[in-house]
Amino acid sequence: MTHSGGKPHTNVGDRGQRYEVLAHGYPKNETDNVIGWSDTLEGAERMMSAILQAPGCTSAKIYDRQEKVGIIKRYGGILR
């Protein structure tokens, strides 16, 4: 049984937001993982800053799905 009692989850997932946030190395190693989406660049930057704090996250980037280009990439963690 789910926490919603088996009802569909309507408040999660991609809703056509413009910016996609991806993290490398977290939660799965050696791959880019979609963390979430945002309507605003500021929201995407906050999400990216938060995920860079996760252990194992080596980098994160914001992708503009409307323009089809990467906007920002930042590195996190300890570089070895």
C-alpha atoms as a PDB file:
ATOM      1  CA  MET A   1       0.000   0.000   0.000  1.00  0.00           C
ATOM      2  CA  THR A   2       1.280   3.466  -0.817  1.00  0.00           C
ATOM      3  CA  HIS A   3       1.188   6.474   1.459  1.00  0.00           C
ATOM      4  CA  SER A   4      -1.673   7.854  -0.653  1.00  0.00           C
ATOM      5  CA  GLY A   5      -3.805   4.777  -0.164  1.00  0.00           C
ATOM      6  CA  GLY A   6      -3.283   3.609  -3.758  1.00  0.00           C
ATOM      7  CA  LYS A   7      -4.474   6.863  -5.296  1.00  0.00           C
ATOM      8  CA  PRO A   8      -2.467   8.295  -8.219  1.00  0.00           C
ATOM      9  CA  HIS A   9       0.301  10.704  -7.303  1.00  0.00           C
ATOM     10  CA  THR A  10      -0.620  13.923  -9.070  1.00  0.00           C
ATOM     11  CA  ASN A  11       2.009  16.249  -7.607  1.00  0.00           C
ATOM     12  CA  VAL A  12       5.171  14.555  -8.867  1.00  0.00           C
ATOM     13  CA  GLY A  13       7.029  14.298 -12.161  1.00  0.00           C
ATOM     14  CA  ASP A  14       7.630  16.404 -15.212  1.00  0.00           C
ATOM     15  CA  ARG A  15       4.878  18.939 -15.817  1.00  0.00           C
ATOM     16  CA  GLY A  16       6.448  20.631 -18.838  1.00  0.00           C
ATOM     17  CA  GLN A  17       8.836  22.770 -16.809  1.00  0.00           C
ATOM     18  CA  ARG A  18      11.542  24.509 -18.793  1.00  0.00           C
ATOM     19  CA  TYR A  19      14.657  23.622 -16.768  1.00  0.00           C
ATOM     20  CA  GLU A  20      15.899  20.132 -15.935  1.00  0.00           C
ATOM     21  CA  VAL A  21      18.445  19.500 -13.162  1.00  0.00           C
ATOM     22  CA  LEU A  22      20.810  16.549 -13.559  1.00  0.00           C
ATOM     23  CA  ALA A  23      23.383  15.175 -11.127  1.00  0.00           C
ATOM     24  CA  HIS A  24      26.374  13.014 -11.974  1.00  0.00           C
ATOM     25  CA  GLY A  25      27.323  10.261  -9.543  1.00  0.00           C
ATOM     26  CA  TYR A  26      24.252  10.534  -7.335  1.00  0.00           C
ATOM     27  CA  PRO A  27      22.125   8.623  -6.639  1.00  0.00           C
ATOM     28  CA  LYS A  28      23.566   6.201  -9.221  1.00  0.00           C
ATOM     29  CA  ASN A  29      27.281   6.146  -9.992  1.00  0.00           C
ATOM     30  CA  GLU A  30      28.771   6.849 -13.425  1.00  0.00           C
ATOM     31  CA  THR A  31      25.645   8.314 -14.978  1.00  0.00           C
ATOM     32  CA  ASP A  32      23.655  11.529 -15.182  1.00  0.00           C
ATOM     33  CA  ASN A  33      20.518  11.299 -13.069  1.00  0.00           C
ATOM     34  CA  VAL A  34      17.493  13.554 -13.479  1.00  0.00           C
ATOM     35  CA  ILE A  35      16.874  15.164 -10.111  1.00  0.00           C
ATOM     36  CA  GLY A  36      13.912  17.340 -11.029  1.00  0.00           C
ATOM     37  CA  TRP A  37      12.434  20.155 -13.076  1.00  0.00           C
ATOM     38  CA  SER A  38      11.697  23.832 -12.499  1.00  0.00           C
ATOM     39  CA  ASP A  39       9.794  26.608 -14.221  1.00  0.00           C
ATOM     40  CA  THR A  40      12.389  29.189 -13.196  1.00  0.00           C
ATOM     41  CA  LEU A  41      16.152  29.309 -13.481  1.00  0.00           C
ATOM     42  CA  GLU A  42      16.373  30.464  -9.855  1.00  0.00           C
ATOM     43  CA  GLY A  43      14.465  27.384  -8.697  1.00  0.00           C
ATOM     44  CA  ALA A  44      16.697  25.124 -10.774  1.00  0.00           C
ATOM     45  CA  GLU A  45      19.810  26.772  -9.293  1.00  0.00           C
ATOM     46  CA  ARG A  46      18.530  26.169  -5.740  1.00  0.00           C
ATOM     47  CA  MET A  47      17.830  22.540  -6.588  1.00  0.00           C
ATOM     48  CA  MET A  48      21.297  22.177  -8.114  1.00  0.00           C
ATOM     49  CA  SER A  49      22.979  23.727  -5.056  1.00  0.00           C
ATOM     50  CA  ALA A  50      21.142  21.310  -2.785  1.00  0.00           C
ATOM     51  CA  ILE A  51      22.009  18.183  -4.776  1.00  0.00           C
ATOM     52  CA  LEU A  52      25.698  19.159  -4.894  1.00  0.00           C
ATOM     53  CA  GLN A  53      25.717  18.594  -1.112  1.00  0.00           C
ATOM     54  CA  ALA A  54      24.838  14.909  -1.553  1.00  0.00           C
ATOM     55  CA  PRO A  55      27.640  12.423  -0.955  1.00  0.00           C
ATOM     56  CA  GLY A  56      28.895  11.018  -4.228  1.00  0.00           C
ATOM     57  CA  CYS A  57      27.566  13.874  -6.358  1.00  0.00           C
ATOM     58  CA  THR A  58      30.537  14.982  -8.446  1.00  0.00           C
ATOM     59  CA  SER A  59      28.745  17.531 -10.634  1.00  0.00           C
ATOM     60  CA  ALA A  60      25.333  18.918 -11.449  1.00  0.00           C
ATOM     61  CA  LYS A  61      23.987  20.771 -14.431  1.00  0.00           C
ATOM     62  CA  ILE A  62      20.934  22.668 -15.568  1.00  0.00           C
ATOM     63  CA  TYR A  63      19.558  21.949 -19.009  1.00  0.00           C
ATOM     64  CA  ASP A  64      17.200  24.366 -20.779  1.00  0.00           C
ATOM     65  CA  ARG A  65      14.686  22.079 -22.436  1.00  0.00           C
ATOM     66  CA  GLN A  66      13.129  24.889 -24.477  1.00  0.00           C
ATOM     67  CA  GLU A  67      16.398  26.025 -26.073  1.00  0.00           C
ATOM     68  CA  LYS A  68      17.872  22.496 -25.946  1.00  0.00           C
ATOM     69  CA  VAL A  69      21.183  23.628 -24.409  1.00  0.00           C
ATOM     70  CA  GLY A  70      23.026  23.172 -21.143  1.00  0.00           C
ATOM     71  CA  ILE A  71      23.139  26.390 -19.135  1.00  0.00           C
ATOM     72  CA  ILE A  72      25.142  25.855 -15.965  1.00  0.00           C
ATOM     73  CA  LYS A  73      27.460  23.091 -14.779  1.00  0.00           C
ATOM     74  CA  ARG A  74      29.045  23.038 -11.327  1.00  0.00           C
ATOM     75  CA  TYR A  75      31.344  20.575  -9.664  1.00  0.00           C
ATOM     76  CA  GLY A  76      30.864  19.402  -6.093  1.00  0.00           C
ATOM     77  CA  GLY A  77      32.457  17.235  -3.462  1.00  0.00           C
ATOM     78  CA  ILE A  78      36.129  16.638  -3.025  1.00  0.00           C
ATOM     79  CA  LEU A  79      38.136  16.302  -6.203  1.00  0.00           C
ATOM     80  CA  ARG A  80      40.698  13.529  -5.958  1.00  0.00           C
END
